[in-house]
Amino acid sequence: MTPTIKDVAAHAGFSIATVSRAINAPHTVNPVTLDKVRQSIDALNFRPSPLGRQLRGERTRLIGVILPTLANPVFAECLQGIDELASAQGYRLMLMTTQYDADRERHAIETLREHRVEGLILTVSDADTHPLLDELDRDGLLYVLMHNDTVRRPSVSVDNRLAAYDGVRMLIAHGHRRILMLAGSLAASDRARQRHLGYSQAMQQAGLSPAPALEVDFNADELSPSVLAHLTSGPNRPSALFCSNDLLAMVVMRGLRRARLQIPHDMSILGFDGLAMGDLLSPPLASICAPNREIGCAAWERLLARVGGTYEALNETSLTLTLPHSLRQGATIAAIPNRDAMSSPQASAAAAEKPFA
């Protein structure tokens, strides 16, 4: 016979209400009591029924998390921050990934709503114009975005445009004038678009002509031969590459090595994300660092405040929270030997007029 919560209460010597609180809100229960209830649950092999709680209208204490992928450690680091706080506060997470696919995003949201999640933490392709977010706003399901750089919706991110601007200015300060940005599909990422705007701003302020982003398959483990040829051939090839994320930068580094180019002697590389593994490369990857774990923690705290009706306690006057970025110098950036000569207005103008190969 399947044990019930009444059986657990009798076994532990507490009321049904106490056992219910131990299951659904363990942080509100005395540790000694909680331990005894858990021992009884284990002894009876009792499994609480989420469906039963939902039918009775009880809180599920379930939060949905929707991420593009876990293959990129950026999102895994965010998830770690969320999970640490959720576990400590008696909540459970339900995770789904989407690969930025619109149909998968809709399926994920519908699935999580069927499980009566109390809120969502998610990353989408384009936060400002996303129809599914419009639906959530209309229906009243609370959510907070991570990494999406928007002022229209609740979000936690870095200033992607400013971060890219600072990173490209660092390349320019090292004497680089022929700087090309590599990214995945700009249409699939509002962050990549903001980063290209920052790249363009830095180039223009230095009197240089920004190039359109070279869009590549950011899910691929190898650069295509055509992309590699574009980067390595011709007299006017770039001297530095700004990659829109660290994983792409690592793929680029491997491709350049196979093309027998030395990093950073033949070409400098700058990534974006600040992944810890980048510091383990040879040479260590220079990167624009985002506080990914802290972004996850902040998204959780803001969502929990919204769910609990205490959003004003955060003392926030804006829907958005922008966390600071930093620059990791790394060793994949080398100074251009003739940068002093290139720093003259005439040299800068000449470099700006030459098209990329």
Protein backbone atom coordinates (compact mmCIF):
# COMPACT_ATOMS: atom_id res chain seq x y z
CA MET A 1 0.00 0.00 0.00
CA THR A 2 1.38 3.41 -0.99
CA PRO A 3 2.25 5.50 2.08
CA THR A 4 0.50 8.84 2.54
CA ILE A 5 1.46 12.06 4.25
CA LYS A 6 -0.75 10.90 7.17
CA ASP A 7 1.47 7.82 7.53
CA VAL A 8 4.58 9.98 7.57
CA ALA A 9 3.08 12.22 10.24
CA ALA A 10 2.21 9.24 12.44
CA HIS A 11 5.66 7.69 11.95
CA ALA A 12 7.49 10.93 12.77
CA GLY A 13 5.18 11.91 15.62
CA PHE A 14 4.18 15.27 14.19
CA SER A 15 1.04 16.77 12.73
CA ILE A 16 0.19 16.53 9.04
CA ALA A 17 0.61 20.32 8.81
CA THR A 18 4.18 20.09 10.14
CA VAL A 19 5.06 17.35 7.64
CA SER A 20 3.52 19.41 4.84
CA ARG A 21 5.66 22.40 5.77
CA ALA A 22 8.75 20.20 5.95
CA ILE A 23 8.08 19.05 2.38
CA ASN A 24 7.01 22.35 0.83
CA ALA A 25 8.86 24.96 2.90
CA PRO A 26 11.74 23.22 4.70
CA HIS A 27 13.40 26.55 5.54
CA THR A 28 10.48 27.32 7.88
CA VAL A 29 10.88 24.12 9.93
CA ASN A 30 13.14 23.53 12.94
CA PRO A 31 16.20 21.55 11.76
CA VAL A 32 15.66 18.78 14.33
CA THR A 33 12.02 18.39 13.28
CA LEU A 34 12.99 18.53 9.62
CA ASP A 35 15.53 15.75 10.12
CA LYS A 36 12.98 13.49 11.83
CA VAL A 37 10.42 14.06 9.07
CA ARG A 38 12.99 13.26 6.40
CA GLN A 39 13.97 10.08 8.23
CA SER A 40 10.32 9.00 8.23
CA ILE A 41 9.96 9.86 4.56
CA ASP A 42 12.99 7.69 3.76
CA ALA A 43 11.84 4.86 6.03
CA LEU A 44 8.39 4.71 4.42
CA ASN A 45 9.68 5.45 0.90
CA PHE A 46 7.12 8.25 0.70
CA ARG A 47 7.00 10.36 -2.45
CA PRO A 48 4.99 13.62 -2.34
CA SER A 49 2.63 14.09 -5.26
CA PRO A 50 3.15 17.35 -7.15
CA LEU A 51 -0.14 16.78 -8.96
CA GLY A 52 -1.98 16.39 -5.68
CA ARG A 53 -0.62 19.69 -4.40
CA GLN A 54 -1.54 21.39 -7.65
CA LEU A 55 -5.13 20.08 -7.56
CA ARG A 56 -5.49 21.43 -4.02
CA GLY A 57 -4.27 24.81 -5.19
CA GLU A 58 -1.14 24.71 -3.08
CA ARG A 59 2.05 26.48 -4.08
CA THR A 60 4.35 24.32 -6.16
CA ARG A 61 7.53 26.18 -5.18
CA LEU A 62 8.69 25.28 -8.67
CA ILE A 63 10.60 27.75 -10.86
CA GLY A 64 11.15 27.23 -14.57
CA VAL A 65 14.51 27.95 -16.18
CA ILE A 66 14.76 28.23 -19.97
CA LEU A 67 18.24 28.49 -21.51
CA PRO A 68 19.46 28.31 -25.11
CA THR A 69 21.99 25.57 -24.30
CA LEU A 70 24.18 24.11 -21.59
CA ALA A 71 27.02 23.49 -24.06
CA ASN A 72 28.13 27.07 -23.47
CA PRO A 73 29.47 27.34 -19.90
CA VAL A 74 28.08 30.87 -19.65
CA PHE A 75 24.60 29.47 -19.11
CA ALA A 76 25.85 26.65 -16.89
CA GLU A 77 27.48 29.25 -14.63
CA CYS A 78 24.22 31.22 -14.47
CA LEU A 79 22.31 28.04 -13.65
CA GLN A 80 24.73 27.25 -10.84
CA GLY A 81 24.03 30.61 -9.24
CA ILE A 82 20.27 30.08 -9.52
CA ASP A 83 20.38 26.52 -8.19
CA GLU A 84 22.45 27.37 -5.14
CA LEU A 85 19.95 29.99 -3.98
CA ALA A 86 16.87 28.00 -5.00
CA SER A 87 17.97 24.95 -3.03
CA ALA A 88 18.75 27.03 0.04
CA GLN A 89 15.30 28.61 -0.05
CA GLY A 90 13.23 25.49 -0.58
CA TYR A 91 12.47 25.85 -4.28
CA ARG A 92 12.94 23.38 -7.10
CA LEU A 93 14.04 24.11 -10.64
CA MET A 94 12.69 22.71 -13.88
CA LEU A 95 15.14 23.26 -16.75
CA MET A 96 14.53 23.26 -20.51
CA THR A 97 16.80 24.27 -23.41
CA THR A 98 15.77 25.77 -26.73
CA GLN A 99 18.76 26.38 -29.06
CA TYR A 100 17.10 29.75 -29.77
CA ASP A 101 14.41 27.88 -31.73
CA ALA A 102 11.02 29.65 -31.59
CA ASP A 103 9.01 26.41 -31.57
CA ARG A 104 11.12 24.97 -28.76
CA GLU A 105 10.79 28.20 -26.79
CA ARG A 106 6.99 28.02 -27.03
CA HIS A 107 6.99 24.33 -26.10
CA ALA A 108 9.22 25.02 -23.10
CA ILE A 109 7.00 27.82 -21.80
CA GLU A 110 3.82 25.81 -22.31
CA THR A 111 5.33 22.77 -20.59
CA LEU A 112 6.47 24.77 -17.60
CA ARG A 113 3.11 26.49 -17.28
CA GLU A 114 1.39 23.09 -17.26
CA HIS A 115 3.54 22.24 -14.23
CA ARG A 116 2.35 25.44 -12.54
CA VAL A 117 5.72 27.06 -12.12
CA GLU A 118 5.56 30.15 -9.95
CA GLY A 119 7.90 32.07 -12.24
CA LEU A 120 10.44 31.83 -15.04
CA ILE A 121 14.10 32.74 -15.46
CA LEU A 122 15.04 32.65 -19.12
CA THR A 123 17.25 33.81 -21.96
CA VAL A 124 15.67 34.42 -25.37
CA SER A 125 16.91 35.51 -28.76
CA ASP A 126 15.39 39.00 -28.89
CA ALA A 127 13.85 40.31 -25.70
CA ASP A 128 12.37 43.53 -27.04
CA THR A 129 10.22 42.00 -29.77
CA HIS A 130 9.55 38.50 -28.43
CA PRO A 131 5.85 37.54 -28.81
CA LEU A 132 6.04 34.86 -26.11
CA LEU A 133 7.20 37.44 -23.58
CA ASP A 134 4.28 39.63 -24.61
CA GLU A 135 2.01 36.69 -23.79
CA LEU A 136 3.63 36.24 -20.38
CA ASP A 137 3.14 39.95 -19.66
CA ARG A 138 -0.51 39.69 -20.66
CA ASP A 139 -1.16 36.52 -18.65
CA GLY A 140 0.69 37.69 -15.56
CA LEU A 141 3.28 34.90 -15.30
CA LEU A 142 6.27 36.49 -13.61
CA TYR A 143 9.70 36.19 -15.20
CA VAL A 144 13.20 37.67 -15.24
CA LEU A 145 15.56 37.58 -18.22
CA MET A 146 19.28 36.82 -18.03
CA HIS A 147 21.86 38.32 -20.41
CA ASN A 148 19.17 39.91 -22.59
CA ASP A 149 20.14 43.56 -22.89
CA THR A 150 16.77 45.33 -22.79
CA VAL A 151 15.09 48.20 -20.96
CA ARG A 152 11.55 47.02 -21.69
CA ARG A 153 11.43 43.89 -19.56
CA PRO A 154 12.72 42.59 -16.19
CA SER A 155 16.31 41.59 -16.88
CA VAL A 156 19.81 41.17 -15.47
CA SER A 157 22.77 41.64 -17.78
CA VAL A 158 25.94 43.56 -18.45
CA ASP A 159 25.94 46.55 -20.76
CA ASN A 160 26.91 44.57 -23.85
CA ARG A 161 27.48 47.63 -26.01
CA LEU A 162 29.74 49.34 -23.47
CA ALA A 163 31.58 46.10 -22.70
CA ALA A 164 32.37 45.51 -26.38
CA TYR A 165 33.36 49.15 -26.78
CA ASP A 166 35.85 48.85 -23.91
CA GLY A 167 37.26 45.61 -25.30
CA VAL A 168 37.80 46.95 -28.81
CA ARG A 169 39.35 50.12 -27.41
CA MET A 170 41.85 47.85 -25.64
CA LEU A 171 42.75 46.31 -29.02
CA ILE A 172 43.11 49.77 -30.53
CA ALA A 173 45.33 50.83 -27.62
CA HIS A 174 47.64 47.96 -28.57
CA GLY A 175 48.02 49.48 -32.03
CA HIS A 176 45.47 47.39 -33.91
CA ARG A 177 43.59 49.11 -36.69
CA ARG A 178 42.33 46.21 -38.76
CA ILE A 179 39.91 44.64 -36.30
CA LEU A 180 37.15 42.29 -37.40
CA MET A 181 34.26 41.01 -35.27
CA LEU A 182 33.09 37.39 -35.52
CA ALA A 183 29.66 36.38 -34.24
CA GLY A 184 26.89 33.89 -34.66
CA SER A 185 23.72 35.02 -36.36
CA LEU A 186 23.00 38.60 -35.33
CA ALA A 187 19.32 37.92 -35.92
CA ALA A 188 19.42 35.19 -33.24
CA SER A 189 21.01 37.26 -30.49
CA ASP A 190 20.21 40.74 -29.24
CA ARG A 191 23.45 40.54 -27.26
CA ALA A 192 25.55 40.03 -30.40
CA ARG A 193 23.86 43.02 -32.02
CA GLN A 194 24.66 45.22 -29.04
CA ARG A 195 28.25 44.00 -29.04
CA HIS A 196 28.63 44.87 -32.71
CA LEU A 197 27.31 48.35 -31.99
CA GLY A 198 29.99 48.71 -29.31
CA TYR A 199 32.66 47.47 -31.72
CA SER A 200 31.50 49.96 -34.36
CA GLN A 201 31.46 52.84 -31.89
CA ALA A 202 35.02 52.15 -30.75
CA MET A 203 36.27 51.89 -34.32
CA GLN A 204 34.57 55.09 -35.44
CA GLN A 205 35.85 57.07 -32.47
CA ALA A 206 39.38 55.98 -33.42
CA GLY A 207 38.87 57.21 -36.97
CA LEU A 208 38.57 53.65 -38.32
CA SER A 209 35.94 52.05 -40.51
CA PRO A 210 34.05 49.23 -38.77
CA ALA A 211 33.33 46.16 -40.85
CA PRO A 212 30.08 44.17 -40.83
CA ALA A 213 30.27 41.29 -38.39
CA LEU A 214 31.46 38.05 -39.95
CA GLU A 215 28.61 35.70 -39.04
CA VAL A 216 29.56 32.05 -38.52
CA ASP A 217 27.90 28.93 -37.16
CA PHE A 218 28.58 29.28 -33.44
CA ASN A 219 27.52 25.67 -32.86
CA ALA A 220 30.25 24.32 -35.12
CA ASP A 221 33.49 22.92 -33.71
CA GLU A 222 35.48 24.03 -36.75
CA LEU A 223 35.68 27.13 -38.90
CA SER A 224 34.61 26.49 -42.45
CA PRO A 225 37.39 26.62 -45.08
CA SER A 226 35.86 29.74 -46.62
CA VAL A 227 35.81 31.59 -43.27
CA LEU A 228 39.35 30.50 -42.48
CA ALA A 229 40.55 31.67 -45.89
CA HIS A 230 38.81 35.01 -45.36
CA LEU A 231 40.64 35.50 -42.08
CA THR A 232 44.11 34.40 -43.15
CA SER A 233 44.64 35.35 -46.79
CA GLY A 234 45.29 38.63 -48.53
CA PRO A 235 47.57 41.56 -47.67
CA ASN A 236 44.85 43.39 -45.77
CA ARG A 237 43.70 40.60 -43.49
CA PRO A 238 42.76 41.69 -39.95
CA SER A 239 45.45 41.91 -37.30
CA ALA A 240 42.96 41.30 -34.49
CA LEU A 241 39.67 39.44 -34.11
CA PHE A 242 36.95 40.32 -31.62
CA CYS A 243 34.87 37.17 -31.07
CA SER A 244 31.37 37.61 -29.65
CA ASN A 245 31.86 34.80 -27.14
CA ASP A 246 34.73 32.81 -25.67
CA LEU A 247 33.72 29.48 -27.20
CA LEU A 248 33.84 31.01 -30.65
CA ALA A 249 37.23 32.51 -29.81
CA MET A 250 38.53 29.04 -28.90
CA VAL A 251 37.28 27.61 -32.20
CA VAL A 252 38.96 30.48 -34.03
CA MET A 253 42.25 29.90 -32.19
CA ARG A 254 42.27 26.25 -33.22
CA GLY A 255 41.50 27.13 -36.84
CA LEU A 256 44.27 29.73 -36.99
CA ARG A 257 46.79 27.30 -35.57
CA ARG A 258 45.87 24.74 -38.22
CA ALA A 259 46.43 27.47 -40.79
CA ARG A 260 49.93 27.83 -39.26
CA LEU A 261 49.33 31.28 -37.79
CA GLN A 262 50.80 32.08 -34.40
CA ILE A 263 48.67 33.70 -31.71
CA PRO A 264 49.18 36.53 -30.89
CA HIS A 265 52.23 37.15 -33.10
CA ASP A 266 50.31 36.78 -36.38
CA MET A 267 46.84 37.61 -35.10
CA SER A 268 45.43 38.79 -31.78
CA ILE A 269 42.22 37.34 -30.32
CA LEU A 270 39.72 38.87 -27.89
CA GLY A 271 36.75 36.91 -26.55
CA PHE A 272 33.66 37.82 -24.58
CA ASP A 273 32.33 36.06 -21.43
CA GLY A 274 35.37 35.57 -19.24
CA LEU A 275 35.04 31.80 -19.01
CA ALA A 276 37.45 30.30 -16.48
CA MET A 277 38.61 27.70 -19.00
CA GLY A 278 39.96 30.51 -21.16
CA ASP A 279 42.65 31.12 -18.56
CA LEU A 280 43.78 27.51 -19.00
CA LEU A 281 44.52 27.88 -22.71
CA SER A 282 47.96 28.42 -24.17
CA PRO A 283 48.20 31.33 -24.51
CA PRO A 284 45.50 32.36 -21.98
CA LEU A 285 42.55 33.98 -23.73
CA ALA A 286 42.03 37.71 -23.36
CA SER A 287 38.34 38.32 -22.75
CA ILE A 288 35.64 40.77 -21.78
CA CYS A 289 34.36 39.23 -18.54
CA ALA A 290 30.73 39.07 -17.50
CA PRO A 291 29.84 37.95 -13.94
CA ASN A 292 27.80 34.99 -15.13
CA ARG A 293 27.17 33.30 -11.79
CA GLU A 294 26.24 36.64 -10.24
CA ILE A 295 23.83 37.29 -13.10
CA GLY A 296 22.06 34.03 -12.23
CA CYS A 297 21.98 34.91 -8.52
CA ALA A 298 20.62 38.39 -9.19
CA ALA A 299 17.96 37.04 -11.57
CA TRP A 300 16.84 34.59 -8.88
CA GLU A 301 16.65 37.28 -6.19
CA ARG A 302 14.63 39.59 -8.43
CA LEU A 303 12.25 36.84 -9.48
CA LEU A 304 11.76 35.69 -5.90
CA ALA A 305 11.00 39.27 -4.88
CA ARG A 306 8.40 39.50 -7.65
CA VAL A 307 6.83 36.15 -6.74
CA GLY A 308 6.73 37.13 -3.07
CA GLY A 309 5.32 40.56 -3.78
CA THR A 310 8.34 42.29 -2.25
CA TYR A 311 9.88 43.64 -5.45
CA GLU A 312 10.09 47.15 -4.00
CA ALA A 313 12.34 45.80 -1.24
CA LEU A 314 15.09 45.57 -3.82
CA ASN A 315 15.11 49.39 -3.99
CA GLU A 316 15.17 49.18 -7.77
CA THR A 317 13.73 52.01 -9.81
CA SER A 318 14.14 50.17 -13.10
CA LEU A 319 13.07 46.83 -14.51
CA THR A 320 16.64 46.18 -15.51
CA LEU A 321 19.77 45.49 -13.50
CA THR A 322 23.13 46.05 -15.18
CA LEU A 323 26.12 44.39 -13.54
CA PRO A 324 29.70 45.57 -14.15
CA HIS A 325 31.98 43.90 -16.68
CA SER A 326 35.76 43.70 -16.59
CA LEU A 327 38.64 43.09 -18.99
CA ARG A 328 40.96 40.09 -18.70
CA GLN A 329 44.22 40.96 -20.43
CA GLY A 330 45.21 37.37 -21.26
CA ALA A 331 48.08 36.71 -23.65
CA THR A 332 46.25 36.44 -26.96
CA ILE A 333 46.71 40.15 -27.65
CA ALA A 334 50.05 41.50 -28.90
CA ALA A 335 50.98 45.08 -29.60
CA ILE A 336 51.51 46.11 -33.20
CA PRO A 337 55.22 47.09 -33.50
CA ASN A 338 54.55 50.23 -35.52
CA ARG A 339 51.59 51.37 -33.47
CA ASP A 340 53.19 54.78 -32.78
CA ALA A 341 53.38 55.45 -36.49
CA MET A 342 49.89 54.11 -36.99
CA SER A 343 48.55 56.40 -34.29
CA SER A 344 48.94 59.46 -36.50
CA PRO A 345 45.75 60.78 -38.12
CA GLN A 346 47.15 60.20 -41.60
CA ALA A 347 48.03 56.56 -40.88
CA SER A 348 44.71 55.92 -39.19
CA ALA A 349 42.84 57.37 -42.15
CA ALA A 350 44.86 55.28 -44.59
CA ALA A 351 44.17 52.12 -42.60
CA ALA A 352 40.50 52.94 -42.38
CA GLU A 353 40.21 53.29 -46.16
CA LYS A 354 41.61 49.82 -46.90
CA PRO A 355 38.88 47.18 -47.18
CA PHE A 356 39.14 43.87 -45.40
CA ALA A 357 40.47 41.05 -47.57
